[in-house]
Amino acid sequence: MKHISTLLVAMFVVVALAGLKARQDLDPRIAAYDKGPAKIDVSKYPADMQAKYKLFAKKCSGCHTLARAINSDFALDDEWERYVKRMMNKAGPGVINADEGKQIYDFLVYDSKTRKKDLYERKLKESPK
């Protein structure tokens, strides 16, 4: 009986992971983001932003590739606020508390205004006033 329950659990995990993979494959943006660069050179960022990057890298890579956040088309403050809040409400190895969420948000906003400056400015112009 124990072998049957272990087998059923294993089968459930395989089916669940296959479903997750299939769902991700349906969204070409996710696949594209995951295939982009998986790290940011923050050596020229202020020391506090370098520390926040380390937290971002540790927490966010616990549930998905770091490349997904790095290469996403989010740039505006409110986009990052929604994204970070959504991630804070998820369970998993990268659980993010309120203080960590604030630090990650601060880093992502700074990074968008620095590394993604062109995208940030374009989206700012396009956003409704």
Protein backbone atom coordinates (compact mmCIF):
# COMPACT_ATOMS: atom_id res chain seq x y z
CA MET A 1 0.00 0.00 0.00
CA LYS A 2 2.87 2.35 0.84
CA HIS A 3 4.38 1.82 -2.62
CA ILE A 4 1.07 2.69 -4.28
CA SER A 5 0.72 5.98 -2.37
CA THR A 6 4.34 6.88 -3.13
CA LEU A 7 3.75 6.07 -6.79
CA LEU A 8 0.59 8.19 -6.84
CA VAL A 9 2.41 11.15 -5.28
CA ALA A 10 5.24 10.81 -7.80
CA MET A 11 2.76 10.66 -10.69
CA PHE A 12 0.95 13.75 -9.37
CA VAL A 13 4.21 15.70 -9.18
CA VAL A 14 5.17 14.72 -12.73
CA VAL A 15 1.73 15.70 -14.09
CA ALA A 16 1.78 19.01 -12.16
CA LEU A 17 5.26 19.90 -13.44
CA ALA A 18 4.29 18.98 -17.00
CA GLY A 19 1.22 21.22 -16.72
CA LEU A 20 3.34 24.11 -15.44
CA LYS A 21 5.84 23.66 -18.26
CA ALA A 22 3.03 23.52 -20.84
CA ARG A 23 1.47 26.70 -19.40
CA GLN A 24 4.79 28.52 -19.62
CA ASP A 25 5.31 27.30 -23.19
CA LEU A 26 1.95 28.84 -24.15
CA ASP A 27 3.17 32.32 -23.20
CA PRO A 28 6.02 33.14 -25.61
CA ARG A 29 6.99 36.19 -23.53
CA ILE A 30 7.87 34.01 -20.54
CA ALA A 31 9.97 31.71 -22.71
CA ALA A 32 11.75 34.72 -24.25
CA TYR A 33 12.40 36.34 -20.87
CA ASP A 34 13.79 33.09 -19.45
CA LYS A 35 16.22 32.79 -22.35
CA GLY A 36 17.74 36.25 -21.92
CA PRO A 37 20.64 37.31 -19.69
CA ALA A 38 20.42 35.79 -16.20
CA LYS A 39 22.38 38.43 -14.31
CA ILE A 40 22.97 42.16 -14.19
CA ASP A 41 26.36 43.83 -13.84
CA VAL A 42 25.68 46.05 -10.84
CA SER A 43 29.34 46.91 -10.17
CA LYS A 44 28.68 50.58 -10.98
CA TYR A 45 25.46 50.77 -8.95
CA PRO A 46 25.57 52.37 -5.47
CA ALA A 47 26.49 49.98 -2.65
CA ASP A 48 22.93 49.86 -1.28
CA MET A 49 21.60 48.88 -4.72
CA GLN A 50 24.26 46.18 -5.02
CA ALA A 51 23.06 44.74 -1.70
CA LYS A 52 19.44 44.93 -2.84
CA TYR A 53 20.41 43.16 -6.08
CA LYS A 54 21.83 40.26 -4.05
CA LEU A 55 18.54 39.98 -2.16
CA PHE A 56 16.58 40.20 -5.43
CA ALA A 57 18.76 37.50 -7.01
CA LYS A 58 18.44 35.18 -4.02
CA LYS A 59 14.70 35.55 -3.48
CA CYS A 60 13.47 35.73 -7.05
CA SER A 61 15.53 32.80 -8.33
CA GLY A 62 13.90 30.60 -5.70
CA CYS A 63 10.71 30.27 -7.77
CA HIS A 64 11.64 31.12 -11.37
CA THR A 65 14.67 32.01 -13.44
CA LEU A 66 16.23 35.32 -12.53
CA ALA A 67 16.26 36.06 -16.25
CA ARG A 68 12.46 36.27 -16.20
CA ALA A 69 12.47 39.42 -14.05
CA ILE A 70 15.64 40.86 -15.56
CA ASN A 71 14.37 40.63 -19.14
CA SER A 72 10.72 41.44 -18.55
CA ASP A 73 9.20 44.50 -20.16
CA PHE A 74 8.26 45.97 -16.78
CA ALA A 75 9.89 49.34 -16.28
CA LEU A 76 7.50 51.76 -14.59
CA ASP A 77 7.25 52.03 -10.80
CA ASP A 78 3.61 50.86 -10.72
CA GLU A 79 4.40 47.83 -12.89
CA TRP A 80 7.11 46.75 -10.46
CA GLU A 81 4.88 47.46 -7.48
CA ARG A 82 2.16 45.14 -8.84
CA TYR A 83 4.72 42.47 -9.79
CA VAL A 84 6.50 42.47 -6.43
CA LYS A 85 3.20 42.41 -4.52
CA ARG A 86 2.07 39.46 -6.63
CA MET A 87 5.30 37.62 -5.86
CA MET A 88 4.95 38.41 -2.14
CA ASN A 89 1.59 36.62 -2.14
CA LYS A 90 3.05 33.39 -3.54
CA ALA A 91 4.19 30.46 -1.45
CA GLY A 92 7.42 28.67 -2.18
CA PRO A 93 11.14 28.70 -1.53
CA GLY A 94 11.48 32.40 -2.33
CA VAL A 95 8.85 33.69 0.12
CA ILE A 96 9.25 37.49 0.32
CA ASN A 97 8.32 39.44 3.45
CA ALA A 98 7.33 43.13 3.45
CA ASP A 99 10.84 44.48 4.13
CA GLU A 100 12.39 42.27 1.45
CA GLY A 101 9.62 43.24 -0.97
CA LYS A 102 10.40 46.93 -0.43
CA GLN A 103 14.12 46.36 -1.04
CA ILE A 104 13.46 44.31 -4.18
CA TYR A 105 11.02 46.95 -5.45
CA ASP A 106 13.59 49.71 -4.79
CA PHE A 107 16.22 47.79 -6.74
CA LEU A 108 13.94 47.06 -9.68
CA VAL A 109 12.82 50.69 -9.93
CA TYR A 110 16.44 51.92 -9.78
CA ASP A 111 17.53 49.32 -12.34
CA SER A 112 14.72 50.28 -14.71
CA LYS A 113 15.69 53.95 -14.56
CA THR A 114 19.33 53.01 -15.14
CA ARG A 115 19.72 49.88 -17.28
CA LYS A 116 16.30 50.07 -18.97
CA LYS A 117 16.32 53.85 -19.29
CA ASP A 118 15.06 53.94 -22.90
CA LEU A 119 12.20 51.55 -22.15
CA TYR A 120 11.37 53.44 -18.96
CA GLU A 121 11.21 56.80 -20.74
CA ARG A 122 9.18 55.41 -23.66
CA LYS A 123 6.64 53.82 -21.34
CA LEU A 124 6.49 56.97 -19.24
CA LYS A 125 5.57 59.00 -22.35
CA GLU A 126 2.97 56.42 -23.39
CA SER A 127 1.32 56.12 -19.97
CA PRO A 128 -1.93 58.04 -19.38
CA LYS A 129 -1.43 61.15 -17.31
